[in-house]
C-alpha atoms as a PDB file:
ATOM      1  CA  MET A   1     115.230  97.436  93.505  1.00  0.00           C
ATOM      2  CA  THR A   2     111.928  95.965  94.531  1.00  0.00           C
ATOM      3  CA  GLY A   3     109.712  97.858  92.081  1.00  0.00           C
ATOM      4  CA  PHE A   4     111.342  96.347  88.946  1.00  0.00           C
ATOM      5  CA  LYS A   5     111.524  92.597  89.663  1.00  0.00           C
ATOM      6  CA  TYR A   6     111.897  90.010  86.949  1.00  0.00           C
ATOM      7  CA  LEU A   7     108.649  89.257  85.085  1.00  0.00           C
ATOM      8  CA  ASP A   8     107.483  85.671  84.721  1.00  0.00           C
ATOM      9  CA  ARG A   9     108.087  84.928  81.062  1.00  0.00           C
ATOM     10  CA  CYS A  10     105.085  82.637  80.942  1.00  0.00           C
ATOM     11  CA  ARG A  11     102.766  85.562  81.709  1.00  0.00           C
ATOM     12  CA  ILE A  12     104.321  88.340  79.631  1.00  0.00           C
ATOM     13  CA  LYS A  13     101.902  87.574  76.776  1.00  0.00           C
ATOM     14  CA  ARG A  14      99.036  88.765  78.975  1.00  0.00           C
ATOM     15  CA  ILE A  15     100.468  92.283  79.170  1.00  0.00           C
ATOM     16  CA  SER A  16      99.687  94.811  76.458  1.00  0.00           C
ATOM     17  CA  ARG A  17     102.372  95.524  73.847  1.00  0.00           C
ATOM     18  CA  ILE A  18     102.987  99.066  75.087  1.00  0.00           C
ATOM     19  CA  THR A  19     103.304  98.043  78.732  1.00  0.00           C
ATOM     20  CA  PHE A  20     105.588  95.193  77.700  1.00  0.00           C
ATOM     21  CA  SER A  21     107.992  97.507  75.869  1.00  0.00           C
ATOM     22  CA  VAL A  22     108.229  99.760  78.904  1.00  0.00           C
ATOM     23  CA  PHE A  23     108.851  96.993  81.402  1.00  0.00           C
ATOM     24  CA  LEU A  24     111.310  95.237  79.102  1.00  0.00           C
ATOM     25  CA  LEU A  25     113.578  98.277  79.317  1.00  0.00           C
ATOM     26  CA  LEU A  26     113.227  98.398  83.078  1.00  0.00           C
ATOM     27  CA  LEU A  27     113.838  94.675  83.315  1.00  0.00           C
ATOM     28  CA  PHE A  28     117.226  94.763  81.631  1.00  0.00           C
ATOM     29  CA  ASN A  29     118.305  97.940  83.400  1.00  0.00           C
ATOM     30  CA  PHE A  30     117.640  96.395  86.812  1.00  0.00           C
ATOM     31  CA  SER A  31     118.369  92.688  86.241  1.00  0.00           C
ATOM     32  CA  ALA A  32     121.991  92.961  87.323  1.00  0.00           C
ATOM     33  CA  ILE A  33     120.970  95.014  90.375  1.00  0.00           C
ATOM     34  CA  LYS A  34     118.494  92.418  91.632  1.00  0.00           C
ATOM     35  CA  ALA A  35     121.022  89.638  91.178  1.00  0.00           C
ATOM     36  CA  GLN A  36     123.353  91.425  93.583  1.00  0.00           C
ATOM     37  CA  GLU A  37     120.894  91.036  96.437  1.00  0.00           C
ATOM     38  CA  VAL A  38     121.220  88.059  98.776  1.00  0.00           C
ATOM     39  CA  ILE A  39     118.739  89.089 101.459  1.00  0.00           C
ATOM     40  CA  PRO A  40     117.015  92.205 100.067  1.00  0.00           C
ATOM     41  CA  THR A  41     117.079  95.285 102.289  1.00  0.00           C
ATOM     42  CA  TYR A  42     113.474  96.262 102.928  1.00  0.00           C
ATOM     43  CA  SER A  43     112.015  98.211 105.859  1.00  0.00           C
ATOM     44  CA  ASP A  44     111.666  95.357 108.353  1.00  0.00           C
ATOM     45  CA  TYR A  45     114.692  96.652 110.270  1.00  0.00           C
ATOM     46  CA  LEU A  46     112.317  99.287 111.627  1.00  0.00           C
ATOM     47  CA  THR A  47     110.168  96.602 113.310  1.00  0.00           C
ATOM     48  CA  ASP A  48     112.777  95.698 115.955  1.00  0.00           C
ATOM     49  CA  ASN A  49     114.734  93.485 113.552  1.00  0.00           C
ATOM     50  CA  LEU A  50     118.098  95.257 113.198  1.00  0.00           C
ATOM     51  CA  TYR A  51     120.145  92.059 113.292  1.00  0.00           C
ATOM     52  CA  LEU A  52     118.668  91.053 109.924  1.00  0.00           C
ATOM     53  CA  ILE A  53     120.797  93.701 108.171  1.00  0.00           C
ATOM     54  CA  HIS A  54     123.530  94.461 110.757  1.00  0.00           C
ATOM     55  CA  PRO A  55     125.631  91.455 111.931  1.00  0.00           C
ATOM     56  CA  SER A  56     127.131  93.559 114.731  1.00  0.00           C
ATOM     57  CA  MET A  57     123.717  93.580 116.446  1.00  0.00           C
ATOM     58  CA  ALA A  58     123.854  89.847 117.259  1.00  0.00           C
ATOM     59  CA  GLY A  59     123.578  89.697 121.053  1.00  0.00           C
ATOM     60  CA  ALA A  60     123.670  93.488 121.406  1.00  0.00           C
ATOM     61  CA  SER A  61     120.336  93.667 123.218  1.00  0.00           C
ATOM     62  CA  ASN A  62     119.878  92.862 126.907  1.00  0.00           C
ATOM     63  CA  TYR A  63     117.634  89.930 125.934  1.00  0.00           C
ATOM     64  CA  ASP A  64     117.826  87.128 123.363  1.00  0.00           C
ATOM     65  CA  GLN A  65     115.684  87.524 120.250  1.00  0.00           C
ATOM     66  CA  ILE A  66     113.936  85.475 117.608  1.00  0.00           C
ATOM     67  CA  ARG A  67     112.225  87.155 114.642  1.00  0.00           C
ATOM     68  CA  LEU A  68     110.088  85.688 111.865  1.00  0.00           C
ATOM     69  CA  THR A  69     109.102  87.795 108.844  1.00  0.00           C
ATOM     70  CA  GLY A  70     106.897  87.199 105.819  1.00  0.00           C
ATOM     71  CA  ARG A  71     106.699  89.606 102.892  1.00  0.00           C
ATOM     72  CA  THR A  72     104.405  89.470  99.852  1.00  0.00           C
ATOM     73  CA  GLN A  73     104.209  91.923  96.961  1.00  0.00           C
ATOM     74  CA  TRP A  74     101.371  92.701  94.593  1.00  0.00           C
ATOM     75  CA  PHE A  75      98.489  90.489  95.746  1.00  0.00           C
ATOM     76  CA  ASP A  76      96.874  90.933  92.321  1.00  0.00           C
ATOM     77  CA  VAL A  77      99.905  89.530  90.421  1.00  0.00           C
ATOM     78  CA  GLN A  78     100.400  85.774  90.235  1.00  0.00           C
ATOM     79  CA  ASP A  79     103.846  84.477  91.287  1.00  0.00           C
ATOM     80  CA  ALA A  80     104.782  87.913  92.643  1.00  0.00           C
ATOM     81  CA  PRO A  81     107.962  88.252  94.743  1.00  0.00           C
ATOM     82  CA  ASN A  82     107.782  86.995  98.328  1.00  0.00           C
ATOM     83  CA  LEU A  83     110.331  86.631 101.113  1.00  0.00           C
ATOM     84  CA  GLN A  84     110.467  84.763 104.428  1.00  0.00           C
ATOM     85  CA  THR A  85     113.221  85.124 107.033  1.00  0.00           C
ATOM     86  CA  LEU A  86     113.909  83.546 110.426  1.00  0.00           C
ATOM     87  CA  ALA A  87     116.526  85.282 112.571  1.00  0.00           C
ATOM     88  CA  PHE A  88     117.885  84.407 116.012  1.00  0.00           C
ATOM     89  CA  ASN A  89     120.548  86.121 118.108  1.00  0.00           C
ATOM     90  CA  SER A  90     121.785  85.761 121.679  1.00  0.00           C
ATOM     91  CA  ARG A  91     124.472  87.018 124.082  1.00  0.00           C
ATOM     92  CA  VAL A  92     126.894  84.364 125.363  1.00  0.00           C
ATOM     93  CA  GLY A  93     128.757  85.554 128.441  1.00  0.00           C
ATOM     94  CA  GLU A  94     129.594  89.237 128.799  1.00  0.00           C
ATOM     95  CA  LYS A  95     131.009  90.075 125.372  1.00  0.00           C
ATOM     96  CA  ILE A  96     130.143  87.391 122.806  1.00  0.00           C
ATOM     97  CA  GLY A  97     127.084  87.482 120.561  1.00  0.00           C
ATOM     98  CA  LEU A  98     125.905  84.640 118.320  1.00  0.00           C
ATOM     99  CA  GLY A  99     123.199  84.602 115.684  1.00  0.00           C
ATOM    100  CA  GLY A 100     121.741  82.820 112.709  1.00  0.00           C
ATOM    101  CA  ILE A 101     119.498  83.683 109.761  1.00  0.00           C
ATOM    102  CA  ALA A 102     117.587  81.382 107.391  1.00  0.00           C
ATOM    103  CA  PHE A 103     115.700  82.807 104.416  1.00  0.00           C
ATOM    104  CA  ARG A 104     113.759  82.004 101.281  1.00  0.00           C
ATOM    105  CA  ASP A 105     113.223  84.555  98.501  1.00  0.00           C
ATOM    106  CA  GLU A 106     110.989  83.738  95.516  1.00  0.00           C
ATOM    107  CA  ASN A 107     110.548  85.899  92.434  1.00  0.00           C
ATOM    108  CA  GLY A 108     108.665  84.312  89.537  1.00  0.00           C
ATOM    109  CA  ASN A 109     110.983  81.750  87.956  1.00  0.00           C
ATOM    110  CA  PHE A 110     113.781  82.590  90.387  1.00  0.00           C
ATOM    111  CA  SER A 111     114.206  81.526  94.007  1.00  0.00           C
ATOM    112  CA  LYS A 112     116.903  81.695  96.667  1.00  0.00           C
ATOM    113  CA  VAL A 113     117.326  79.852  99.936  1.00  0.00           C
ATOM    114  CA  GLY A 114     120.192  80.277 102.343  1.00  0.00           C
ATOM    115  CA  ALA A 115     121.476  80.434 105.889  1.00  0.00           C
ATOM    116  CA  TYR A 116     123.942  82.677 107.719  1.00  0.00           C
ATOM    117  CA  ALA A 117     125.789  82.246 111.021  1.00  0.00           C
ATOM    118  CA  THR A 118     127.101  85.272 112.943  1.00  0.00           C
ATOM    119  CA  PHE A 119     129.789  85.939 115.536  1.00  0.00           C
ATOM    120  CA  ALA A 120     129.785  89.318 117.295  1.00  0.00           C
ATOM    121  CA  TYR A 121     131.988  90.910 119.945  1.00  0.00           C
ATOM    122  CA  HIS A 122     130.779  93.722 122.220  1.00  0.00           C
ATOM    123  CA  LEU A 123     133.079  96.169 124.001  1.00  0.00           C
ATOM    124  CA  MET A 124     131.429  97.870 126.944  1.00  0.00           C
ATOM    125  CA  PHE A 125     132.854 101.250 127.944  1.00  0.00           C
ATOM    126  CA  SER A 126     130.019 102.004 130.358  1.00  0.00           C
ATOM    127  CA  ARG A 127     130.973 102.293 134.022  1.00  0.00           C
ATOM    128  CA  SER A 128     127.420 101.568 135.154  1.00  0.00           C
ATOM    129  CA  THR A 129     123.893 101.270 133.823  1.00  0.00           C
ATOM    130  CA  ALA A 130     123.572 105.046 134.201  1.00  0.00           C
ATOM    131  CA  ASP A 131     125.067 105.475 130.738  1.00  0.00           C
ATOM    132  CA  LEU A 132     125.276 103.283 127.645  1.00  0.00           C
ATOM    133  CA  ASN A 133     128.562 103.220 125.728  1.00  0.00           C
ATOM    134  CA  GLN A 134     128.876 100.064 123.611  1.00  0.00           C
ATOM    135  CA  LEU A 135     131.001  99.309 120.531  1.00  0.00           C
ATOM    136  CA  SER A 136     130.111  96.117 118.651  1.00  0.00           C
ATOM    137  CA  PHE A 137     131.705  94.159 115.810  1.00  0.00           C
ATOM    138  CA  GLY A 138     130.105  91.349 113.808  1.00  0.00           C
ATOM    139  CA  ILE A 139     130.962  88.912 111.028  1.00  0.00           C
ATOM    140  CA  SER A 140     128.530  86.608 109.205  1.00  0.00           C
ATOM    141  CA  GLY A 141     129.154  83.760 106.795  1.00  0.00           C
ATOM    142  CA  GLY A 142     126.479  82.146 104.669  1.00  0.00           C
ATOM    143  CA  ILE A 143     125.652  79.564 102.028  1.00  0.00           C
ATOM    144  CA  ILE A 144     123.111  80.515  99.348  1.00  0.00           C
ATOM    145  CA  GLN A 145     121.407  78.423  96.687  1.00  0.00           C
ATOM    146  CA  HIS A 146     119.964  80.318  93.723  1.00  0.00           C
ATOM    147  CA  ARG A 147     117.594  78.376  91.458  1.00  0.00           C
ATOM    148  CA  LEU A 148     116.066  79.102  88.061  1.00  0.00           C
ATOM    149  CA  ASP A 149     112.961  77.169  87.007  1.00  0.00           C
ATOM    150  CA  THR A 150     113.127  76.857  83.214  1.00  0.00           C
ATOM    151  CA  SER A 151     110.358  74.274  82.887  1.00  0.00           C
ATOM    152  CA  GLY A 152     107.963  76.812  81.381  1.00  0.00           C
ATOM    153  CA  PHE A 153     110.447  78.306  78.891  1.00  0.00           C
ATOM    154  CA  SER A 154     109.770  77.495  75.228  1.00  0.00           C
ATOM    155  CA  ARG A 155     113.323  78.147  73.989  1.00  0.00           C
ATOM    156  CA  PHE A 156     116.908  78.631  75.148  1.00  0.00           C
ATOM    157  CA  ASP A 157     117.810  82.095  76.469  1.00  0.00           C
ATOM    158  CA  PRO A 158     121.553  82.921  76.105  1.00  0.00           C
ATOM    159  CA  ILE A 159     121.387  85.497  78.910  1.00  0.00           C
ATOM    160  CA  LEU A 160     119.991  83.044  81.448  1.00  0.00           C
ATOM    161  CA  GLY A 161     121.964  80.022  80.215  1.00  0.00           C
ATOM    162  CA  GLN A 162     121.225  76.374  80.825  1.00  0.00           C
ATOM    163  CA  SER A 163     122.206  75.929  84.462  1.00  0.00           C
ATOM    164  CA  THR A 164     119.314  75.707  86.916  1.00  0.00           C
ATOM    165  CA  ASN A 165     121.134  75.709  90.275  1.00  0.00           C
ATOM    166  CA  ASP A 166     123.874  77.899  91.673  1.00  0.00           C
ATOM    167  CA  ILE A 167     125.381  77.435  95.157  1.00  0.00           C
ATOM    168  CA  PHE A 168     127.835  79.961  96.530  1.00  0.00           C
ATOM    169  CA  ALA A 169     129.100  81.405  99.816  1.00  0.00           C
ATOM    170  CA  ASN A 170     129.510  84.963 100.999  1.00  0.00           C
ATOM    171  CA  MET A 171     130.307  87.070 104.070  1.00  0.00           C
ATOM    172  CA  ASP A 172     129.081  90.239 105.784  1.00  0.00           C
ATOM    173  CA  LEU A 173     130.950  92.527 108.190  1.00  0.00           C
ATOM    174  CA  GLY A 174     129.484  95.116 110.536  1.00  0.00           C
ATOM    175  CA  ILE A 175     130.175  97.605 113.301  1.00  0.00           C
ATOM    176  CA  SER A 176     127.737  99.381 115.643  1.00  0.00           C
ATOM    177  CA  TYR A 177     128.209 102.088 118.250  1.00  0.00           C
ATOM    178  CA  TYR A 178     125.692 103.129 120.916  1.00  0.00           C
ATOM    179  CA  VAL A 179     126.311 106.088 123.178  1.00  0.00           C
ATOM    180  CA  ARG A 180     123.249 106.693 125.331  1.00  0.00           C
ATOM    181  CA  ASP A 181     120.410 107.737 122.997  1.00  0.00           C
ATOM    182  CA  LEU A 182     122.549 108.047 119.839  1.00  0.00           C
ATOM    183  CA  TYR A 183     123.600 105.171 117.567  1.00  0.00           C
ATOM    184  CA  PHE A 184     125.488 104.400 114.360  1.00  0.00           C
ATOM    185  CA  HIS A 185     125.671 101.237 112.238  1.00  0.00           C
ATOM    186  CA  PHE A 186     127.832 100.263 109.297  1.00  0.00           C
ATOM    187  CA  ALA A 187     127.693  96.979 107.355  1.00  0.00           C
ATOM    188  CA  ALA A 188     129.558  95.678 104.303  1.00  0.00           C
ATOM    189  CA  LYS A 189     127.392  93.008 102.668  1.00  0.00           C
ATOM    190  CA  ASN A 190     128.474  90.256 100.258  1.00  0.00           C
ATOM    191  CA  ILE A 191     132.159  91.157 100.535  1.00  0.00           C
ATOM    192  CA  LEU A 192     133.433  88.123  98.590  1.00  0.00           C
ATOM    193  CA  THR A 193     133.790  88.259  94.827  1.00  0.00           C
ATOM    194  CA  VAL A 194     131.761  85.323  93.535  1.00  0.00           C
ATOM    195  CA  GLN A 195     131.757  83.836  90.041  1.00  0.00           C
ATOM    196  CA  ARG A 196     128.160  82.942  89.323  1.00  0.00           C
ATOM    197  CA  ASP A 197     127.240  79.888  87.228  1.00  0.00           C
ATOM    198  CA  LEU A 198     123.483  80.407  87.018  1.00  0.00           C
ATOM    199  CA  PHE A 199     123.596  83.424  84.704  1.00  0.00           C
ATOM    200  CA  TYR A 200     125.559  84.545  81.686  1.00  0.00           C
ATOM    201  CA  SER A 201     128.664  86.147  83.225  1.00  0.00           C
ATOM    202  CA  ASP A 202     128.352  89.462  81.356  1.00  0.00           C
ATOM    203  CA  ALA A 203     124.806  89.968  82.656  1.00  0.00           C
ATOM    204  CA  VAL A 204     125.548  89.650  86.380  1.00  0.00           C
ATOM    205  CA  PRO A 205     128.661  91.187  88.002  1.00  0.00           C
ATOM    206  CA  SER A 206     130.719  88.927  90.260  1.00  0.00           C
ATOM    207  CA  ASN A 207     131.029  91.874  92.664  1.00  0.00           C
ATOM    208  CA  MET A 208     127.882  91.887  94.825  1.00  0.00           C
ATOM    209  CA  ARG A 209     129.230  94.190  97.551  1.00  0.00           C
ATOM    210  CA  LYS A 210     126.749  96.564  99.132  1.00  0.00           C
ATOM    211  CA  TYR A 211     127.350  99.029 101.978  1.00  0.00           C
ATOM    212  CA  LEU A 212     124.819 100.139 104.578  1.00  0.00           C
ATOM    213  CA  PHE A 213     125.171 103.077 106.932  1.00  0.00           C
ATOM    214  CA  SER A 214     122.497 104.070 109.415  1.00  0.00           C
ATOM    215  CA  ALA A 215     122.229 106.522 112.275  1.00  0.00           C
ATOM    216  CA  GLY A 216     119.502 107.629 114.644  1.00  0.00           C
ATOM    217  CA  TYR A 217     118.616 109.310 117.899  1.00  0.00           C
ATOM    218  CA  VAL A 218     115.866 108.595 120.439  1.00  0.00           C
ATOM    219  CA  PHE A 219     114.454 111.474 122.467  1.00  0.00           C
ATOM    220  CA  THR A 220     111.450 112.515 124.521  1.00  0.00           C
ATOM    221  CA  LEU A 221     109.846 115.947 124.706  1.00  0.00           C
ATOM    222  CA  ASN A 222     109.111 115.684 128.426  1.00  0.00           C
ATOM    223  CA  PRO A 223     110.802 113.450 131.061  1.00  0.00           C
ATOM    224  CA  ASN A 224     107.383 112.276 132.300  1.00  0.00           C
ATOM    225  CA  ASP A 225     105.899 111.901 128.807  1.00  0.00           C
ATOM    226  CA  PRO A 226     105.113 108.294 127.719  1.00  0.00           C
ATOM    227  CA  TRP A 227     106.056 109.250 124.143  1.00  0.00           C
ATOM    228  CA  ASP A 228     109.520 108.697 122.640  1.00  0.00           C
ATOM    229  CA  PHE A 229     110.590 109.667 119.115  1.00  0.00           C
ATOM    230  CA  GLU A 230     113.301 108.184 116.924  1.00  0.00           C
ATOM    231  CA  PRO A 231     114.363 109.883 113.667  1.00  0.00           C
ATOM    232  CA  SER A 232     116.857 107.833 111.645  1.00  0.00           C
ATOM    233  CA  ILE A 233     118.365 107.367 108.203  1.00  0.00           C
ATOM    234  CA  LEU A 234     119.662 104.396 106.220  1.00  0.00           C
ATOM    235  CA  LEU A 235     122.015 104.872 103.270  1.00  0.00           C
ATOM    236  CA  GLN A 236     122.623 102.031 100.788  1.00  0.00           C
ATOM    237  CA  ALA A 237     125.399 101.954  98.167  1.00  0.00           C
ATOM    238  CA  ARG A 238     126.282  99.247  95.644  1.00  0.00           C
ATOM    239  CA  GLU A 239     129.917  99.088  94.624  1.00  0.00           C
ATOM    240  CA  ALA A 240     129.638  97.521  91.147  1.00  0.00           C
ATOM    241  CA  THR A 241     126.973  99.888  89.818  1.00  0.00           C
ATOM    242  CA  ASN A 242     127.662 103.012  91.953  1.00  0.00           C
ATOM    243  CA  GLU A 243     123.976 103.148  92.871  1.00  0.00           C
ATOM    244  CA  MET A 244     122.728 104.727  96.057  1.00  0.00           C
ATOM    245  CA  ALA A 245     119.433 104.991  97.922  1.00  0.00           C
ATOM    246  CA  VAL A 246     118.438 106.601 101.197  1.00  0.00           C
ATOM    247  CA  ASP A 247     115.701 105.943 103.761  1.00  0.00           C
ATOM    248  CA  ALA A 248     114.411 108.785 105.928  1.00  0.00           C
ATOM    249  CA  ASN A 249     112.513 107.392 108.924  1.00  0.00           C
ATOM    250  CA  LEU A 250     110.520 108.633 111.893  1.00  0.00           C
ATOM    251  CA  LYS A 251     109.377 106.208 114.590  1.00  0.00           C
ATOM    252  CA  ALA A 252     107.330 106.922 117.730  1.00  0.00           C
ATOM    253  CA  TYR A 253     106.905 104.804 120.876  1.00  0.00           C
ATOM    254  CA  TYR A 254     104.118 105.014 123.436  1.00  0.00           C
ATOM    255  CA  GLU A 255     104.703 103.288 126.767  1.00  0.00           C
ATOM    256  CA  VAL A 256     101.809 101.289 128.210  1.00  0.00           C
ATOM    257  CA  ASP A 257     101.464  98.877 131.134  1.00  0.00           C
ATOM    258  CA  PHE A 258     102.247  95.741 129.110  1.00  0.00           C
ATOM    259  CA  GLY A 259     105.066  97.206 126.971  1.00  0.00           C
ATOM    260  CA  ASP A 260     105.134  99.637 124.055  1.00  0.00           C
ATOM    261  CA  VAL A 261     102.929 100.541 121.125  1.00  0.00           C
ATOM    262  CA  TRP A 262     104.928 101.987 118.244  1.00  0.00           C
ATOM    263  CA  GLY A 263     104.627 103.120 114.661  1.00  0.00           C
ATOM    264  CA  GLY A 264     106.082 105.446 112.093  1.00  0.00           C
ATOM    265  CA  ILE A 265     106.797 106.155 108.483  1.00  0.00           C
ATOM    266  CA  SER A 266     109.725 105.613 106.121  1.00  0.00           C
ATOM    267  CA  TYR A 267     110.500 107.189 102.752  1.00  0.00           C
ATOM    268  CA  ARG A 268     112.992 105.590 100.336  1.00  0.00           C
ATOM    269  CA  ASN A 269     114.459 107.354  97.323  1.00  0.00           C
ATOM    270  CA  SER A 270     117.146 106.236  94.873  1.00  0.00           C
ATOM    271  CA  PHE A 271     119.665 108.721  93.532  1.00  0.00           C
ATOM    272  CA  GLU A 272     119.666 107.205  90.031  1.00  0.00           C
ATOM    273  CA  SER A 273     116.888 107.120  87.469  1.00  0.00           C
ATOM    274  CA  THR A 274     115.995 104.751  84.651  1.00  0.00           C
ATOM    275  CA  GLU A 275     114.974 105.766  81.156  1.00  0.00           C
ATOM    276  CA  TYR A 276     111.816 104.301  79.655  1.00  0.00           C
ATOM    277  CA  THR A 277     109.503 104.964  76.739  1.00  0.00           C
ATOM    278  CA  SER A 278     106.337 103.649  75.159  1.00  0.00           C
ATOM    279  CA  GLU A 279     105.230 103.758  71.527  1.00  0.00           C
ATOM    280  CA  GLY A 280     104.888 107.274  70.213  1.00  0.00           C
ATOM    281  CA  GLU A 281     106.089 108.898  73.444  1.00  0.00           C
ATOM    282  CA  GLU A 282     109.278 110.681  74.372  1.00  0.00           C
ATOM    283  CA  VAL A 283     111.926 109.137  76.595  1.00  0.00           C
ATOM    284  CA  ARG A 284     111.218 109.636  80.275  1.00  0.00           C
ATOM    285  CA  ARG A 285     113.162 109.008  83.465  1.00  0.00           C
ATOM    286  CA  GLN A 286     111.962 107.497  86.716  1.00  0.00           C
ATOM    287  CA  GLN A 287     113.543 106.988  90.140  1.00  0.00           C
ATOM    288  CA  LEU A 288     112.697 104.288  92.637  1.00  0.00           C
ATOM    289  CA  ARG A 289     110.544 105.925  95.319  1.00  0.00           C
ATOM    290  CA  TYR A 290     108.216 104.437  97.878  1.00  0.00           C
ATOM    291  CA  ILE A 291     106.721 105.249 101.235  1.00  0.00           C
ATOM    292  CA  THR A 292     106.294 102.767 104.072  1.00  0.00           C
ATOM    293  CA  PRO A 293     104.049 103.279 107.101  1.00  0.00           C
ATOM    294  CA  PHE A 294     104.521 100.697 109.866  1.00  0.00           C
ATOM    295  CA  VAL A 295     102.941  99.841 113.211  1.00  0.00           C
ATOM    296  CA  GLY A 296     103.641  97.375 115.980  1.00  0.00           C
ATOM    297  CA  VAL A 297     103.341  96.416 119.599  1.00  0.00           C
ATOM    298  CA  ASP A 298     105.648  94.933 122.234  1.00  0.00           C
ATOM    299  CA  TYR A 299     103.376  92.869 124.465  1.00  0.00           C
ATOM    300  CA  LYS A 300     105.540  91.729 127.362  1.00  0.00           C
ATOM    301  CA  LYS A 301     108.084  89.478 125.593  1.00  0.00           C
ATOM    302  CA  PHE A 302     106.191  89.216 122.306  1.00  0.00           C
ATOM    303  CA  VAL A 303     106.667  91.501 119.294  1.00  0.00           C
ATOM    304  CA  PHE A 304     104.283  92.081 116.398  1.00  0.00           C
ATOM    305  CA  GLY A 305     104.945  94.455 113.508  1.00  0.00           C
ATOM    306  CA  TYR A 306     103.366  95.257 110.156  1.00  0.00           C
ATOM    307  CA  THR A 307     104.734  97.339 107.264  1.00  0.00           C
ATOM    308  CA  PHE A 308     103.064  98.424 104.049  1.00  0.00           C
ATOM    309  CA  SER A 309     105.143  99.863 101.208  1.00  0.00           C
ATOM    310  CA  TYR A 310     103.510 101.865  98.431  1.00  0.00           C
ATOM    311  CA  GLN A 311     105.345 102.859  95.274  1.00  0.00           C
ATOM    312  CA  LEU A 312     105.210 106.524  94.338  1.00  0.00           C
ATOM    313  CA  ASN A 313     106.496 105.972  90.798  1.00  0.00           C
ATOM    314  CA  SER A 314     104.307 106.972  87.867  1.00  0.00           C
ATOM    315  CA  LEU A 315     104.986 103.600  86.227  1.00  0.00           C
ATOM    316  CA  VAL A 316     104.316 100.527  88.383  1.00  0.00           C
ATOM    317  CA  LEU A 317     103.441  96.909  87.717  1.00  0.00           C
ATOM    318  CA  SER A 318     100.677  96.926  90.327  1.00  0.00           C
ATOM    319  CA  ASN A 319      99.092  99.263  92.860  1.00  0.00           C
ATOM    320  CA  GLY A 320      98.739  96.409  95.335  1.00  0.00           C
ATOM    321  CA  GLY A 321     101.726  97.466  97.438  1.00  0.00           C
ATOM    322  CA  PHE A 322     104.077  95.360  99.544  1.00  0.00           C
ATOM    323  CA  HIS A 323     102.919  93.780 102.803  1.00  0.00           C
ATOM    324  CA  GLN A 324     105.245  92.467 105.501  1.00  0.00           C
ATOM    325  CA  ILE A 325     104.579  90.984 108.934  1.00  0.00           C
ATOM    326  CA  THR A 326     107.152  90.543 111.710  1.00  0.00           C
ATOM    327  CA  LEU A 327     106.590  88.208 114.654  1.00  0.00           C
ATOM    328  CA  GLY A 328     109.091  88.116 117.496  1.00  0.00           C
ATOM    329  CA  TYR A 329     109.824  86.787 120.941  1.00  0.00           C
ATOM    330  CA  ASN A 330     112.357  88.036 123.504  1.00  0.00           C
ATOM    331  CA  PHE A 331     113.602  85.344 125.833  1.00  0.00           C
ATOM    332  CA  GLY A 332     116.372  84.393 128.202  1.00  0.00           C
ATOM    333  CA  GLU A 333     117.403  86.127 131.407  1.00  0.00           C
ATOM    334  CA  SER A 334     117.376  89.860 130.778  1.00  0.00           C
ATOM    335  CA  ARG A 335     120.555  91.731 131.584  1.00  0.00           C
ATOM    336  CA  GLU A 336     120.482  95.039 133.436  1.00  0.00           C
ATOM    337  CA  ARG A 337     118.646  97.811 131.618  1.00  0.00           C
ATOM    338  CA  TYR A 338     120.453 101.055 130.840  1.00  0.00           C
ATOM    339  CA  ASP A 339     119.126 104.442 131.859  1.00  0.00           C
ATOM    340  CA  CYS A 340     118.611 105.643 128.293  1.00  0.00           C
ATOM    341  CA  LYS A 341     116.083 105.826 125.475  1.00  0.00           C
ATOM    342  CA  CYS A 342     117.650 102.952 123.532  1.00  0.00           C
ATOM    343  CA  PRO A 343     114.909 100.442 122.526  1.00  0.00           C
ATOM    344  CA  ALA A 344     117.269  98.310 120.417  1.00  0.00           C
ATOM    345  CA  ILE A 345     119.396  97.620 123.531  1.00  0.00           C
ATOM    346  CA  ASN A 346     116.948  97.755 126.465  1.00  0.00           C
END
């Protein structure tokens, strides 16, 4: 839940008393949710970075990939959340895919670093490149270090505890299916039950499992038209809290001599709402909602993408929005291209 991150305790005094009371309620309602995230699910999967959230996509493309992302929130807020990821995936032989992800996620007094390794297996049912029919399985294992910087705290907090470092392991599973221009993905994230030492055990569930399901279709209005369109959805569900959110996306591609220019828009909405109030006002409810336009270009083997997320909630910490850049490079000997509108594979 990006819009309700932990507040830096050293800077809470700068916020007015009314605003503080509102955000304090939001903070405790969403603290357990944030702690369930290992690599947060943002909208960078729409910038040709599907492997970052779906382990079954390691080596699924007909070229090897490397992707670097940097995300910063709220430029006008000091120590605001920021995330960096480096992802690599490659096909080894005809059916094996390998990949790796390294990341760093900072959020005020909290930070996480970690690395994942992925093994994927691809079953090809296609008889030729005239049609794409590929079923893929993936499994990832990772080590994560979660750190709390208590150097600026003036007193002991029983919820946060005394421990400043927490190292744990977890696993993700995934499956993907491509049939010509239609695709489906499913991923089970953080499937291991982990006892956390960094936080008070009643504040953070040991069950961090999250499920992702996405589907989409790529089509063109005219066989000779340089435009392609890709509507898609992404559904997220957290097991411990029964929370759900959905992304509705539309992406467009325009073919040019050096590659593709693309862009689109994404809308995310949670199904749950949080109660909040300020002094002298009635209790209100608010859902997590934000809209994300994105643009990018594939210049030969290079990829550049930019996303900007803007919260639509009536109550926000900042109007600065969330900025994310994706840089990529496709390398290795390209395998045969399929006769389909399938940009994640071709």
